[in-house]
Protein backbone atom coordinates (compact mmCIF):
# COMPACT_ATOMS: atom_id res chain seq x y z
CA MET A 1 19.29 12.55 7.33
CA GLN A 2 19.46 12.97 11.08
CA GLY A 3 21.36 10.02 12.52
CA ILE A 4 19.65 7.67 14.94
CA THR A 5 21.78 6.97 17.98
CA LYS A 6 23.14 3.43 17.89
CA ASN A 7 24.51 2.48 21.27
CA ASP A 8 26.43 -0.45 19.80
CA LEU A 9 28.30 0.18 16.53
CA ILE A 10 30.71 -2.19 14.76
CA ILE A 11 33.20 -0.78 12.25
CA ARG A 12 35.39 -3.05 10.13
CA ILE A 13 38.41 -1.56 8.32
CA GLY A 14 40.02 -3.61 5.57
CA GLY A 15 42.89 -3.07 3.15
CA GLU A 16 46.40 -4.08 2.23
CA GLY A 17 48.98 -4.73 4.92
CA GLY A 18 51.14 -1.61 5.23
CA GLU A 19 48.35 0.86 4.36
CA GLY A 20 47.70 1.79 7.97
CA VAL A 21 44.59 -0.36 8.47
CA ILE A 22 45.73 -1.55 11.90
CA SER A 23 46.74 1.98 12.91
CA VAL A 24 43.29 3.36 12.11
CA GLY A 25 41.70 0.64 14.20
CA ASP A 26 44.02 1.40 17.10
CA PHE A 27 43.29 5.13 16.88
CA ILE A 28 39.52 4.64 16.86
CA THR A 29 39.74 2.17 19.73
CA GLN A 30 41.86 4.47 21.88
CA ALA A 31 39.69 7.50 21.09
CA CYS A 32 36.43 5.74 21.93
CA ALA A 33 37.83 4.33 25.16
CA HIS A 34 39.28 7.66 26.25
CA ALA A 35 35.91 9.30 25.61
CA GLY A 36 34.17 6.80 27.90
CA LEU A 37 32.82 4.22 25.46
CA ASP A 38 33.29 0.50 25.95
CA VAL A 39 35.39 -1.09 23.20
CA TYR A 40 36.22 -4.60 22.01
CA THR A 41 38.33 -5.25 18.93
CA PHE A 42 39.61 -7.98 16.68
CA LYS A 43 42.32 -7.78 14.04
CA THR A 44 43.96 -10.09 11.57
CA PHE A 45 46.87 -9.50 9.24
CA PRO A 46 49.04 -11.49 6.82
CA ALA A 47 52.33 -13.16 7.72
CA GLU A 48 54.15 -10.89 5.24
CA ILE A 49 55.60 -7.58 6.43
CA LYS A 50 53.77 -5.74 3.66
CA GLY A 51 50.95 -6.81 1.38
CA GLY A 52 48.08 -9.23 1.84
CA TYR A 53 44.71 -8.57 3.41
CA ALA A 54 44.63 -6.86 6.80
CA MET A 55 41.47 -6.27 8.83
CA TYR A 56 40.63 -4.49 12.07
CA GLN A 57 37.16 -4.62 13.63
CA VAL A 58 36.19 -2.12 16.32
CA ARG A 59 33.04 -2.48 18.37
CA ALA A 60 32.13 0.55 20.47
CA SER A 61 29.17 0.87 22.80
CA THR A 62 27.73 2.89 25.63
CA GLU A 63 27.11 -0.44 27.40
CA ARG A 64 29.47 -3.20 28.54
CA LEU A 65 30.77 -5.42 25.71
CA TYR A 66 31.75 -9.08 25.93
CA ASN A 67 32.84 -9.86 22.35
CA GLN A 68 33.85 -8.17 19.11
CA GLY A 69 30.67 -9.07 17.22
CA ASP A 70 30.31 -11.48 14.33
CA THR A 71 29.62 -8.96 11.54
CA PHE A 72 29.72 -5.20 10.99
CA ASP A 73 27.50 -2.14 10.63
CA VAL A 74 30.11 -0.13 8.72
CA LEU A 75 32.77 -1.36 6.30
CA CYS A 76 35.69 0.89 5.38
CA ALA A 77 37.34 -0.60 2.31
CA PHE A 78 40.80 0.71 1.42
CA ASN A 79 40.99 -1.39 -1.75
CA GLY A 80 39.20 -3.90 -3.95
CA GLU A 81 40.42 -6.91 -1.99
CA ALA A 82 38.83 -5.57 1.20
CA TYR A 83 35.57 -5.07 -0.68
CA ASN A 84 35.65 -8.54 -2.18
CA MET A 85 36.51 -10.19 1.14
CA ASN A 86 33.49 -8.57 2.81
CA ARG A 87 31.03 -8.29 -0.08
CA ALA A 88 28.83 -11.10 1.23
CA SER A 89 28.39 -9.34 4.59
CA LEU A 90 27.08 -6.12 3.05
CA LYS A 91 23.45 -6.60 4.05
CA PRO A 92 20.61 -4.06 3.86
CA GLY A 93 21.13 -1.46 6.56
CA THR A 94 24.94 -1.65 6.55
CA ALA A 95 27.17 1.12 5.21
CA ILE A 96 30.37 1.13 3.18
CA VAL A 97 33.02 3.86 3.07
CA TYR A 98 35.39 3.17 0.18
CA ASP A 99 38.32 4.63 -1.73
CA SER A 100 37.04 6.28 -4.91
CA PRO A 101 38.59 6.67 -7.39
CA GLY A 102 40.53 3.53 -6.50
CA ASP A 103 41.42 0.09 -7.79
CA PHE A 104 37.80 -1.07 -7.82
CA ASP A 105 34.27 0.10 -8.60
CA PRO A 106 31.96 -1.59 -6.10
CA GLU A 107 28.53 -2.88 -6.91
CA ILE A 108 26.43 -1.54 -4.07
CA PRO A 109 23.79 -4.08 -2.98
CA PRO A 110 20.22 -2.82 -2.46
CA GLY A 111 19.71 -1.26 0.95
CA VAL A 112 23.42 -0.63 1.55
CA TYR A 113 24.52 2.96 2.18
CA ALA A 114 27.60 3.99 0.20
CA TYR A 115 30.07 6.81 0.83
CA PRO A 116 32.83 7.25 -1.77
CA ILE A 117 35.86 9.07 -0.32
CA PRO A 118 38.95 9.85 -2.45
CA MET A 119 41.37 8.54 0.17
CA SER A 120 44.38 7.77 -2.01
CA HIS A 121 43.88 10.73 -4.34
CA THR A 122 43.55 13.21 -1.46
CA ALA A 123 46.62 11.89 0.35
CA LYS A 124 48.72 12.12 -2.83
CA GLU A 125 47.34 15.59 -3.55
CA MET A 126 48.56 16.64 -0.09
CA HIS A 127 52.01 15.16 -0.91
CA ASN A 128 51.52 12.70 1.93
CA PRO A 129 50.50 9.37 0.32
CA ARG A 130 50.97 7.44 3.57
CA ALA A 131 48.18 9.53 5.16
CA LYS A 132 45.45 7.72 3.20
CA ASN A 133 44.32 6.12 6.43
CA MET A 134 44.03 9.51 8.14
CA VAL A 135 41.72 10.74 5.38
CA ALA A 136 39.54 7.65 5.85
CA MET A 137 39.44 8.07 9.62
CA GLY A 138 38.52 11.73 9.35
CA ALA A 139 35.60 10.86 7.06
CA MET A 140 34.32 8.15 9.41
CA SER A 141 34.52 10.48 12.40
CA VAL A 142 31.98 12.78 10.72
CA LEU A 143 29.71 10.09 9.29
CA PHE A 144 29.40 8.03 12.48
CA ASN A 145 30.08 10.47 15.29
CA ILE A 146 33.39 8.97 16.44
CA PRO A 147 34.69 11.26 19.23
CA VAL A 148 36.69 13.79 17.22
CA GLU A 149 38.57 15.51 20.04
CA SER A 150 39.75 12.17 21.37
CA LEU A 151 40.90 11.22 17.87
CA ARG A 152 42.93 14.41 17.57
CA GLU A 153 44.50 13.71 20.96
CA VAL A 154 45.55 10.14 20.15
CA ILE A 155 46.91 11.16 16.73
CA THR A 156 48.99 13.91 18.33
CA ALA A 157 50.25 11.59 21.07
CA LYS A 158 51.14 8.85 18.59
CA PHE A 159 53.26 11.01 16.29
CA ALA A 160 54.64 13.51 18.82
CA ARG A 161 58.04 11.81 18.96
CA LYS A 162 58.39 12.11 15.19
CA GLY A 163 58.19 15.89 15.26
CA GLU A 164 55.70 18.68 14.67
CA ASP A 165 55.75 18.30 10.89
CA VAL A 166 54.64 14.67 11.08
CA VAL A 167 51.91 15.52 13.59
CA LYS A 168 50.67 18.37 11.43
CA GLY A 169 50.73 16.28 8.25
CA ASN A 170 48.56 13.58 9.79
CA LEU A 171 46.16 16.02 11.41
CA ASP A 172 45.79 17.94 8.15
CA ALA A 173 44.90 14.72 6.32
CA PHE A 174 42.44 13.85 9.08
CA GLU A 175 40.75 17.25 8.83
CA ARG A 176 40.62 16.98 5.04
CA GLY A 177 38.81 13.68 5.39
CA ARG A 178 36.27 15.35 7.64
CA GLU A 179 35.69 18.07 5.04
CA LEU A 180 35.11 15.46 2.33
CA ALA A 181 32.57 13.62 4.47
CA LYS A 182 30.70 16.81 5.37
CA ALA A 183 30.18 17.45 1.64
CA LEU A 184 28.26 14.15 1.33
CA ASP A 185 24.61 13.54 2.17
CA LYS A 186 24.34 11.16 5.10
CA THR A 187 21.89 8.50 3.98
CA ASP A 188 22.34 5.81 6.65
CA PRO A 189 20.53 6.15 9.99
CA TRP A 190 23.42 5.35 12.32
CA THR A 191 25.46 7.53 14.64
CA LEU A 192 27.52 6.34 17.61
CA GLY A 193 25.96 7.00 21.00
CA THR A 194 27.24 9.67 23.36
CA PRO A 195 29.63 8.35 26.04
CA LYS A 196 28.33 8.39 29.61
CA GLY A 197 31.56 9.96 30.80
CA LYS A 198 35.25 9.18 31.08
CA GLN A 199 36.18 6.15 33.15
CA ASP A 200 39.35 4.98 34.89
CA VAL A 201 40.18 2.29 32.34
CA ILE A 202 43.14 0.98 30.40
CA VAL A 203 42.97 -0.36 26.83
CA MET A 204 44.98 -3.56 26.51
CA SER A 205 45.48 -6.48 24.18
CA GLY A 206 45.32 -10.03 25.50
CA ASN A 207 49.09 -10.43 25.20
CA ASN A 208 49.82 -7.23 27.09
CA ALA A 209 47.28 -8.18 29.75
CA ILE A 210 49.11 -11.47 30.33
CA GLY A 211 52.36 -9.55 30.71
CA LEU A 212 50.73 -7.20 33.20
CA GLY A 213 49.30 -10.11 35.17
CA ALA A 214 52.76 -11.67 35.40
CA LEU A 215 54.23 -8.45 36.78
CA ILE A 216 51.44 -8.18 39.36
CA ALA A 217 52.16 -11.79 40.39
CA GLY A 218 55.79 -10.91 41.10
CA LEU A 219 57.58 -12.11 37.97
CA ASP A 220 61.37 -12.09 38.38
CA PHE A 221 62.66 -13.86 35.26
CA PHE A 222 61.35 -14.21 31.71
CA SER A 223 62.95 -16.10 28.84
CA ALA A 224 61.39 -16.67 25.43
CA TYR A 225 62.11 -17.20 21.78
CA PRO A 226 60.10 -14.90 19.47
CA ILE A 227 57.11 -16.62 17.86
CA THR A 228 53.85 -15.31 16.43
CA PRO A 229 51.37 -14.70 18.03
CA ALA A 230 53.06 -14.75 21.47
CA THR A 231 55.93 -12.30 20.92
CA GLU A 232 54.01 -9.28 22.24
CA VAL A 233 53.95 -10.86 25.71
CA ALA A 234 57.75 -10.73 25.72
CA ILE A 235 57.78 -7.21 24.28
CA TYR A 236 55.51 -5.94 27.05
CA VAL A 237 57.50 -7.69 29.76
CA ALA A 238 60.80 -6.43 28.28
CA LYS A 239 59.54 -2.88 28.61
CA HIS A 240 58.43 -3.13 32.23
CA LEU A 241 60.24 -6.00 34.00
CA PRO A 242 63.62 -4.18 34.27
CA LYS A 243 61.84 -1.38 36.17
CA ARG A 244 61.34 -3.76 39.09
CA GLY A 245 64.77 -5.35 38.89
CA GLY A 246 63.76 -8.42 36.89
CA THR A 247 65.61 -10.13 34.06
CA LEU A 248 64.50 -10.93 30.50
CA ILE A 249 66.46 -13.05 28.06
CA GLN A 250 65.76 -13.74 24.39
CA ALA A 251 66.83 -17.37 24.10
CA GLU A 252 68.22 -19.06 21.00
CA ASP A 253 65.24 -21.43 20.81
CA GLU A 254 62.29 -22.71 22.83
CA ILE A 255 64.24 -25.55 24.44
CA ALA A 256 66.76 -23.04 25.77
CA SER A 257 64.02 -20.70 27.02
CA ILE A 258 62.20 -23.31 29.10
CA SER A 259 65.56 -24.59 30.40
CA GLN A 260 66.51 -21.09 31.51
CA VAL A 261 63.13 -20.68 33.17
CA LEU A 262 63.67 -23.86 35.19
CA GLY A 263 67.16 -22.70 36.15
CA ALA A 264 65.77 -19.40 37.39
CA SER A 265 63.03 -21.21 39.31
CA TYR A 266 65.65 -23.45 40.97
CA ALA A 267 67.45 -20.23 41.95
CA GLY A 268 64.34 -19.08 43.80
CA LYS A 269 62.83 -16.77 41.19
CA LYS A 270 59.30 -16.59 39.82
CA ALA A 271 59.84 -17.47 36.18
CA MET A 272 57.85 -17.82 32.98
CA THR A 273 58.02 -18.11 29.21
CA SER A 274 55.57 -17.55 26.36
CA THR A 275 55.29 -19.47 23.12
CA SER A 276 52.87 -20.96 20.60
CA GLY A 277 52.12 -24.50 19.42
CA PRO A 278 55.43 -25.30 17.67
CA GLY A 279 57.40 -24.02 20.64
CA LEU A 280 55.26 -25.90 23.14
CA SER A 281 56.01 -29.10 21.23
CA LEU A 282 59.72 -28.49 21.73
CA MET A 283 59.25 -27.79 25.44
CA SER A 284 57.57 -31.12 26.21
CA GLU A 285 60.65 -32.86 27.63
CA MET A 286 61.56 -29.98 29.93
CA LEU A 287 57.97 -29.71 31.18
CA GLY A 288 58.42 -33.30 32.33
CA MET A 289 61.64 -32.20 34.02
CA ALA A 290 59.76 -29.36 35.76
CA PHE A 291 57.21 -31.81 37.11
CA MET A 292 59.73 -34.43 38.21
CA SER A 293 62.05 -31.91 39.90
CA GLU A 294 59.08 -30.01 41.36
CA LEU A 295 60.06 -26.61 39.98
CA PRO A 296 57.32 -23.96 39.74
CA CYS A 297 57.05 -22.19 36.39
CA VAL A 298 54.43 -20.64 34.10
CA VAL A 299 54.27 -21.36 30.36
CA VAL A 300 51.93 -19.21 28.25
CA ASP A 301 50.76 -20.87 25.03
CA VAL A 302 49.19 -18.40 22.60
CA GLN A 303 47.66 -20.88 20.17
CA ARG A 304 47.78 -20.46 16.40
CA GLY A 305 46.75 -22.42 13.33
CA GLY A 306 48.70 -25.63 12.73
CA PRO A 307 50.10 -28.17 12.31
CA SER A 308 53.80 -27.39 11.81
CA THR A 309 54.41 -23.76 10.83
CA GLY A 310 50.77 -23.69 9.82
CA LEU A 311 49.03 -20.32 9.98
CA PRO A 312 51.21 -18.05 12.14
CA THR A 313 48.87 -15.04 12.10
CA LYS A 314 45.58 -16.96 12.35
CA HIS A 315 44.10 -18.41 15.51
CA GLU A 316 43.16 -21.92 16.47
CA GLN A 317 42.43 -23.68 19.77
CA SER A 318 43.97 -27.08 19.13
CA ASP A 319 46.77 -27.35 21.71
CA LEU A 320 44.65 -28.63 24.60
CA PHE A 321 45.73 -32.28 24.37
CA LEU A 322 49.36 -31.25 23.91
CA ALA A 323 49.12 -28.94 26.93
CA ILE A 324 47.59 -31.61 29.15
CA HIS A 325 49.39 -34.74 27.96
CA GLY A 326 52.50 -33.50 26.13
CA GLY A 327 55.54 -35.46 27.30
CA HIS A 328 56.40 -39.06 28.09
CA GLY A 329 55.29 -40.69 31.30
CA ASP A 330 52.72 -39.38 33.71
CA SER A 331 54.01 -35.82 33.85
CA GLY A 332 51.31 -33.82 35.58
CA ARG A 333 50.74 -30.11 35.19
CA ILE A 334 47.99 -27.58 35.76
CA VAL A 335 46.34 -26.16 32.61
CA LEU A 336 44.27 -22.97 32.62
CA SER A 337 42.50 -21.17 29.78
CA VAL A 338 41.62 -17.48 29.55
CA GLU A 339 38.34 -16.19 28.11
CA SER A 340 38.64 -12.38 28.10
CA ILE A 341 41.14 -9.54 28.36
CA GLN A 342 40.35 -9.11 32.07
CA ASP A 343 40.82 -12.84 32.47
CA CYS A 344 44.28 -12.57 30.93
CA ILE A 345 45.33 -10.39 33.86
CA ASN A 346 43.53 -12.28 36.61
CA LEU A 347 44.26 -15.83 35.50
CA THR A 348 47.96 -15.10 34.97
CA VAL A 349 48.17 -14.15 38.64
CA VAL A 350 46.31 -17.37 39.49
CA ALA A 351 48.75 -19.36 37.31
CA PHE A 352 51.73 -18.06 39.26
CA ASN A 353 49.98 -18.67 42.58
CA LEU A 354 49.24 -22.29 41.67
CA ALA A 355 52.77 -22.88 40.35
CA GLU A 356 54.33 -21.49 43.51
CA LYS A 357 51.95 -23.28 45.87
CA TYR A 358 52.12 -26.73 44.27
CA GLN A 359 55.68 -26.48 42.85
CA CYS A 360 54.76 -27.60 39.36
CA PRO A 361 54.47 -26.24 35.82
CA VAL A 362 51.29 -24.32 35.02
CA LEU A 363 50.28 -23.83 31.39
CA LEU A 364 48.10 -20.84 30.52
CA LEU A 365 46.27 -21.17 27.20
CA SER A 366 45.29 -18.18 25.09
CA ASP A 367 44.94 -17.86 21.31
CA GLY A 368 45.82 -15.50 18.48
CA SER A 369 42.36 -13.96 18.45
CA LEU A 370 42.42 -12.92 22.09
CA ALA A 371 46.13 -12.08 21.88
CA PHE A 372 45.53 -9.33 19.32
CA SER A 373 42.08 -8.25 20.49
CA THR A 374 41.91 -5.15 22.66
CA GLN A 375 39.37 -4.10 25.25
CA ASN A 376 39.10 -1.46 27.91
CA VAL A 377 39.28 -2.91 31.41
CA PRO A 378 39.21 -1.24 34.83
CA TYR A 379 42.62 0.12 35.75
CA PRO A 380 44.11 -2.70 37.86
CA ASN A 381 45.29 -2.08 41.40
CA PRO A 382 48.06 -4.57 42.31
CA ASP A 383 47.02 -4.34 45.98
CA ASP A 384 43.69 -5.98 45.08
CA TYR A 385 45.40 -9.24 44.10
CA HIS A 386 46.37 -12.06 46.45
CA VAL A 387 49.91 -13.19 45.58
CA VAL A 388 51.33 -16.54 46.74
CA ASP A 389 55.04 -17.28 47.25
CA ARG A 390 56.58 -20.76 47.40
CA LYS A 391 56.99 -22.62 50.65
CA ARG A 392 60.56 -22.16 51.84
CA TRP A 393 62.66 -24.10 54.35
CA ASP A 394 62.81 -22.50 57.78
CA GLY A 395 66.45 -23.54 58.34
CA LYS A 396 65.65 -25.92 61.20
CA GLY A 397 67.00 -29.47 61.31
CA GLU A 398 68.41 -31.39 58.35
CA TYR A 399 67.11 -30.22 54.95
CA HIS A 400 65.44 -32.73 52.65
CA ARG A 401 64.23 -31.17 49.42
CA TYR A 402 61.62 -33.82 48.74
CA ALA A 403 60.53 -34.51 52.29
CA LEU A 404 57.02 -35.84 52.82
CA THR A 405 55.04 -33.26 54.76
CA GLU A 406 51.56 -33.05 56.21
CA ASP A 407 50.32 -30.74 53.47
CA GLY A 408 52.08 -32.70 50.73
CA ILE A 409 54.29 -29.73 49.79
CA SER A 410 58.00 -30.01 50.54
CA PRO A 411 59.84 -26.75 51.37
CA MET A 412 62.28 -25.25 48.87
CA ALA A 413 65.68 -23.71 49.62
CA ASP A 414 67.40 -21.18 47.40
CA PRO A 415 70.99 -21.90 46.32
CA GLY A 416 73.36 -20.49 48.92
CA THR A 417 71.02 -21.10 51.83
CA PRO A 418 73.21 -22.49 54.68
CA GLY A 419 72.46 -26.19 55.02
CA GLY A 420 70.08 -26.12 52.07
CA ALA A 421 72.29 -27.58 49.34
CA HIS A 422 70.41 -30.09 47.20
CA ILE A 423 70.07 -31.44 43.68
CA ALA A 424 66.92 -30.96 41.60
CA THR A 425 66.90 -33.97 39.35
CA GLY A 426 64.73 -35.57 36.71
CA LEU A 427 65.29 -38.96 38.29
CA GLU A 428 62.76 -40.54 40.62
CA HIS A 429 63.12 -39.44 44.22
CA ASN A 430 61.69 -40.09 47.65
């Protein structure tokens, strides 16, 4: 059957954690974006290092996208669990690509298009059992017109550092998957639309976008304790902050990280941390200290399921009251919330600007869904952003850190400034 162009196609890949489900989603996302398609993704995975259900949903379109979609057009099931988890969403008109022979024999609902691909068997036959995901991706590239040259490019780039043999092994499995799909009769009507042309875009996750926004805003110091789903913010910053002379510290816990951030802010540096709900709970006292001592800082809260340890790899938006009211006394702070990947960049810059201008803590709320989602956004130009720095003492007259001024903002003085010695305290002050 000749495929009908579908300008908006949603592919969901499901399987066991460790089978390369997330990698396939990343490859398809990068390939579609590089070819000029708009992409928006969502992924979820278990808390365990290996095992459990993992899922990656890729939405690709020739038009601008604003969400990942609430269902799928194509399901790629690596195992029986993936099939069972998504069986109810297999509606007439959808398609399923599945591992056959495998650990399950699916009952195909009426009106659903089925494509059995021997993913596991083929990978083992090629003496490369870990390339099961490459076989699956190759098959999908034929069935649904996923940009094949872009896929080859991203596969090569991904494995280049591991040597030519690894690159060749994965490409061979990919090409074998394409051969298997070409031998099947295409029965569904869908094929991904042709890109309008390559664009100057960057594909980013929400966490990475927050890290980029912080760097654009002039971040000098970052301290955090690793916690899902916020750790990737620190990983991104750790990779790029040293390039501009900044400092990153992995603290021993969340109380230490926010304390170090306040110390850096007192020293005149733009400082931030990232955490999730349990960590934000621990930071409550020091956020009060930041308000009382009038120290600018940014705290990113990537929300997850709670309470307590809760659901580390699942998302929830339940930290709003904690973010606004957490802490004893009337400890004010500014709270912002992002709504898209682009917003993660822009609003992080705004968060720093507000913290620096009003000398107070600013909390930026995200969640696990947006943290792990990826989208292509216009390549940011740092010169397009307005960046605010704190009001500093001009060195004239006697310095009073908490002086009442016409604009309500008292000037700050960095340690070592002649005549600017002062104490930033949590006690009441004039």
